N, C-alpha and C. Protein backbone atom coordinates (compact mmCIF):
# COMPACT_ATOMS: atom_id res chain seq x y z
N MET A 1 103.57 -26.70 21.31
CA MET A 1 102.33 -25.90 22.94
C MET A 1 102.69 -23.86 22.65
N LEU A 2 101.53 -23.45 23.31
CA LEU A 2 102.11 -21.89 22.61
C LEU A 2 102.54 -22.00 24.31
N GLY A 3 103.64 -20.31 24.01
CA GLY A 3 103.97 -19.77 25.29
C GLY A 3 102.93 -19.27 25.80
N LYS A 4 103.19 -18.51 26.28
CA LYS A 4 102.55 -17.68 27.98
C LYS A 4 102.35 -16.34 26.78
N SER A 5 102.80 -15.81 26.09
CA SER A 5 102.71 -14.63 25.65
C SER A 5 101.18 -14.24 24.56
N THR A 6 101.94 -15.84 23.89
CA THR A 6 101.16 -15.53 22.49
C THR A 6 100.02 -16.47 23.49
N ARG A 7 99.44 -17.22 24.58
CA ARG A 7 98.89 -17.22 25.05
C ARG A 7 97.08 -15.86 25.88
N ALA A 8 98.41 -15.44 26.83
CA ALA A 8 98.26 -14.07 26.65
C ALA A 8 96.99 -13.14 25.19
N ALA A 9 98.05 -13.45 24.26
CA ALA A 9 97.49 -12.22 23.29
C ALA A 9 96.22 -13.16 22.64
N VAL A 10 96.57 -14.39 21.96
CA VAL A 10 95.05 -15.07 21.49
C VAL A 10 93.87 -14.65 23.04
N SER A 11 93.91 -14.76 24.14
CA SER A 11 92.80 -14.47 24.90
C SER A 11 92.29 -13.15 24.68
N LYS A 12 93.34 -12.31 24.36
CA LYS A 12 92.90 -11.07 24.56
C LYS A 12 92.51 -11.33 23.33
N ILE A 13 92.80 -11.77 21.94
CA ILE A 13 91.95 -11.21 20.57
C ILE A 13 90.36 -11.68 21.12
N ILE A 14 90.78 -13.44 21.53
CA ILE A 14 89.16 -14.15 21.74
C ILE A 14 88.53 -13.26 22.93
N SER A 15 87.91 -12.43 23.64
CA SER A 15 87.69 -11.55 25.01
C SER A 15 87.15 -10.47 23.86
N ALA A 16 87.72 -9.87 23.05
CA ALA A 16 88.11 -8.63 22.30
C ALA A 16 86.74 -8.50 21.14
N HIS A 17 87.15 -9.97 20.90
CA HIS A 17 85.56 -11.04 19.59
C HIS A 17 84.14 -10.96 20.67
N LEU A 18 84.12 -11.49 21.18
CA LEU A 18 83.05 -12.62 22.07
C LEU A 18 82.77 -10.71 22.49
N ARG A 19 82.94 -9.33 23.58
CA ARG A 19 83.03 -8.34 23.60
C ARG A 19 82.26 -7.67 22.43
N ARG A 20 82.68 -7.24 21.21
CA ARG A 20 81.77 -6.89 19.90
C ARG A 20 81.03 -7.53 19.58
N GLN A 21 80.41 -8.94 19.65
CA GLN A 21 79.11 -9.84 19.47
C GLN A 21 78.71 -10.34 20.36
N PHE A 22 78.59 -9.27 21.96
CA PHE A 22 77.94 -9.47 22.58
C PHE A 22 77.62 -8.05 22.57
N HIS A 23 77.18 -6.80 22.68
CA HIS A 23 77.03 -5.44 21.80
C HIS A 23 76.47 -5.46 20.87
N ALA A 24 76.09 -6.23 19.58
CA ALA A 24 76.40 -6.06 18.55
C ALA A 24 75.32 -7.00 19.16
N SER A 25 74.93 -7.85 19.36
CA SER A 25 73.72 -8.61 19.51
C SER A 25 72.37 -7.99 20.23
N ARG A 26 72.87 -7.11 21.59
CA ARG A 26 72.25 -6.65 22.92
C ARG A 26 71.76 -5.23 21.63
N GLN A 27 72.40 -4.79 20.45
CA GLN A 27 72.00 -3.22 19.55
C GLN A 27 70.57 -4.09 19.04
N ALA A 28 70.65 -5.78 18.36
CA ALA A 28 69.79 -6.26 17.78
C ALA A 28 68.87 -6.16 18.28
N GLU A 29 68.33 -6.95 19.39
CA GLU A 29 67.84 -6.81 19.96
C GLU A 29 67.25 -5.65 20.55
N ALA A 30 67.67 -4.34 20.76
CA ALA A 30 67.66 -3.48 21.23
C ALA A 30 66.53 -3.16 20.27
N ALA A 31 66.24 -3.25 19.18
CA ALA A 31 65.71 -2.48 17.87
C ALA A 31 64.98 -3.18 17.54
N ARG A 32 64.47 -4.76 18.05
CA ARG A 32 63.39 -5.65 17.65
C ARG A 32 61.90 -5.27 18.54
N LYS A 33 60.38 -5.28 17.66
CA LYS A 33 59.53 -4.70 19.10
C LYS A 33 59.86 -6.18 19.40
N PHE A 34 58.22 -5.37 20.50
CA PHE A 34 57.63 -6.45 21.56
C PHE A 34 56.82 -6.68 20.91
N PHE A 35 56.47 -8.10 20.42
CA PHE A 35 55.14 -8.37 19.59
C PHE A 35 53.76 -9.21 20.51
N VAL A 36 52.84 -8.73 20.77
CA VAL A 36 51.70 -9.70 21.66
C VAL A 36 50.98 -9.37 19.99
N GLY A 37 50.31 -11.50 19.95
CA GLY A 37 49.85 -11.88 18.96
C GLY A 37 48.35 -12.94 19.96
N GLY A 38 46.91 -12.56 19.18
CA GLY A 38 45.41 -13.64 19.41
C GLY A 38 45.16 -14.04 18.82
N ASN A 39 45.12 -14.88 18.44
CA ASN A 39 44.33 -15.96 17.48
C ASN A 39 42.96 -16.09 18.11
N TRP A 40 42.59 -16.72 18.00
CA TRP A 40 41.10 -17.62 18.83
C TRP A 40 40.45 -17.70 18.15
N LYS A 41 39.38 -19.14 18.40
CA LYS A 41 39.06 -19.38 17.12
C LYS A 41 37.41 -19.56 16.80
N CYS A 42 36.74 -20.18 17.21
CA CYS A 42 35.44 -20.07 16.63
C CYS A 42 34.50 -19.45 18.39
N ASN A 43 34.79 -19.68 18.93
CA ASN A 43 34.86 -19.74 21.02
C ASN A 43 34.07 -18.01 21.30
N GLY A 44 33.57 -17.75 21.61
CA GLY A 44 33.09 -16.53 22.32
C GLY A 44 31.97 -16.38 21.67
N SER A 45 31.26 -14.93 22.04
CA SER A 45 30.68 -14.20 20.75
C SER A 45 30.42 -13.38 20.19
N VAL A 46 29.49 -12.28 19.56
CA VAL A 46 29.47 -11.27 18.89
C VAL A 46 29.89 -9.97 20.28
N SER A 47 29.88 -10.20 21.12
CA SER A 47 29.71 -9.41 21.98
C SER A 47 30.47 -9.29 22.93
N GLN A 48 31.69 -10.92 23.46
CA GLN A 48 32.82 -11.31 24.13
C GLN A 48 34.00 -9.84 22.30
N ILE A 49 33.83 -10.36 21.98
CA ILE A 49 34.78 -10.49 21.24
C ILE A 49 34.33 -8.44 20.71
N ASP A 50 33.51 -8.28 20.98
CA ASP A 50 33.10 -6.92 20.51
C ASP A 50 34.20 -5.69 21.94
N GLY A 51 33.99 -6.71 22.99
CA GLY A 51 34.38 -6.47 23.99
C GLY A 51 35.99 -6.65 24.21
N LEU A 52 36.40 -7.77 23.26
CA LEU A 52 38.44 -7.47 22.71
C LEU A 52 38.70 -6.10 22.55
N VAL A 53 38.03 -5.93 20.93
CA VAL A 53 38.58 -5.23 20.39
C VAL A 53 38.48 -3.61 20.84
N SER A 54 37.33 -3.58 21.85
CA SER A 54 37.56 -2.59 22.86
C SER A 54 38.27 -2.27 23.60
N MET A 55 38.48 -3.65 23.94
CA MET A 55 39.43 -3.13 25.05
C MET A 55 40.73 -2.72 24.42
N LEU A 56 41.64 -3.33 23.06
CA LEU A 56 42.63 -3.54 22.29
C LEU A 56 42.45 -1.78 22.26
N ASN A 57 41.43 -1.46 21.93
CA ASN A 57 41.52 -0.09 20.92
C ASN A 57 41.86 1.14 22.41
N GLN A 58 41.19 1.20 23.13
CA GLN A 58 41.45 1.52 24.52
C GLN A 58 42.82 1.62 25.45
N SER A 59 43.27 0.45 24.85
CA SER A 59 45.18 0.73 25.28
C SER A 59 46.19 1.17 24.77
N THR A 60 46.76 1.76 26.26
CA THR A 60 48.16 2.44 25.55
C THR A 60 49.33 1.47 25.76
N LEU A 61 49.61 1.86 24.83
CA LEU A 61 50.93 0.95 24.59
C LEU A 61 52.73 0.98 24.36
N SER A 62 53.62 0.97 24.10
CA SER A 62 54.09 1.96 23.83
C SER A 62 54.60 1.09 22.54
N THR A 63 55.10 2.56 22.12
CA THR A 63 55.06 1.85 20.37
C THR A 63 56.66 1.15 19.80
N ASN A 64 57.03 0.49 20.66
CA ASN A 64 57.97 -0.28 20.72
C ASN A 64 57.06 -2.44 20.71
N THR A 65 55.47 -1.88 20.70
CA THR A 65 55.12 -3.39 20.67
C THR A 65 54.29 -3.10 18.69
N GLU A 66 54.15 -3.66 19.17
CA GLU A 66 53.05 -4.64 17.25
C GLU A 66 52.70 -6.12 17.99
N VAL A 67 51.41 -5.45 17.79
CA VAL A 67 49.78 -5.73 18.05
C VAL A 67 48.80 -6.84 17.15
N VAL A 68 49.32 -7.93 16.99
CA VAL A 68 48.52 -8.60 15.60
C VAL A 68 47.21 -9.40 16.30
N VAL A 69 46.06 -9.46 15.43
CA VAL A 69 44.92 -9.71 15.97
C VAL A 69 44.66 -11.29 15.07
N CYS A 70 44.01 -12.02 14.94
CA CYS A 70 43.43 -13.04 14.09
C CYS A 70 42.32 -13.68 14.05
N PRO A 71 41.77 -12.87 13.85
CA PRO A 71 40.29 -13.87 14.03
C PRO A 71 39.66 -14.94 13.31
N SER A 72 38.61 -15.37 13.68
CA SER A 72 38.34 -16.00 12.70
C SER A 72 37.80 -15.95 11.59
N GLN A 73 37.21 -16.76 10.88
CA GLN A 73 36.98 -16.49 8.83
C GLN A 73 35.16 -14.95 9.74
N VAL A 74 34.16 -16.53 10.47
CA VAL A 74 32.96 -15.59 10.54
C VAL A 74 33.80 -13.94 11.23
N TYR A 75 34.59 -13.86 11.97
CA TYR A 75 34.55 -12.68 13.24
C TYR A 75 35.25 -11.62 12.66
N ILE A 76 36.24 -12.20 10.76
CA ILE A 76 36.41 -10.75 10.19
C ILE A 76 36.05 -9.40 10.41
N GLN A 77 35.28 -10.13 9.25
CA GLN A 77 34.94 -8.61 9.22
C GLN A 77 34.33 -7.54 10.05
N GLY A 78 33.92 -7.84 11.07
CA GLY A 78 33.03 -7.19 12.09
C GLY A 78 34.76 -6.49 13.40
N VAL A 79 35.46 -7.52 13.28
CA VAL A 79 36.60 -6.83 14.00
C VAL A 79 37.21 -5.81 13.10
N GLN A 80 38.09 -6.35 11.22
CA GLN A 80 38.42 -4.88 11.05
C GLN A 80 37.32 -4.08 11.09
N SER A 81 36.30 -4.00 10.55
CA SER A 81 35.58 -2.49 10.79
C SER A 81 35.51 -1.78 11.98
N LYS A 82 35.90 -2.21 13.32
CA LYS A 82 36.24 -2.06 14.47
C LYS A 82 37.23 -1.62 15.18
N ILE A 83 38.72 -2.10 14.34
CA ILE A 83 40.16 -1.79 14.36
C ILE A 83 40.36 -0.44 14.55
């Protein structure tokens, strides 16, 4: 059985370790970018796709945001030329 002073010392060490881990994870979290992804199938029309691309081009987002679009093969060329 550990004595009272030993338990207190171990408790302090564990608390300090947990605080360091918490702060390290918060710093890593702050460095991550916010990710927005869009995937569409062959749904919609060329005019709907044009509207979506136009909306994306006009949006103002934080520099901490990464936007990814994943058009289907039939729309890739049109989306690529407009983004």
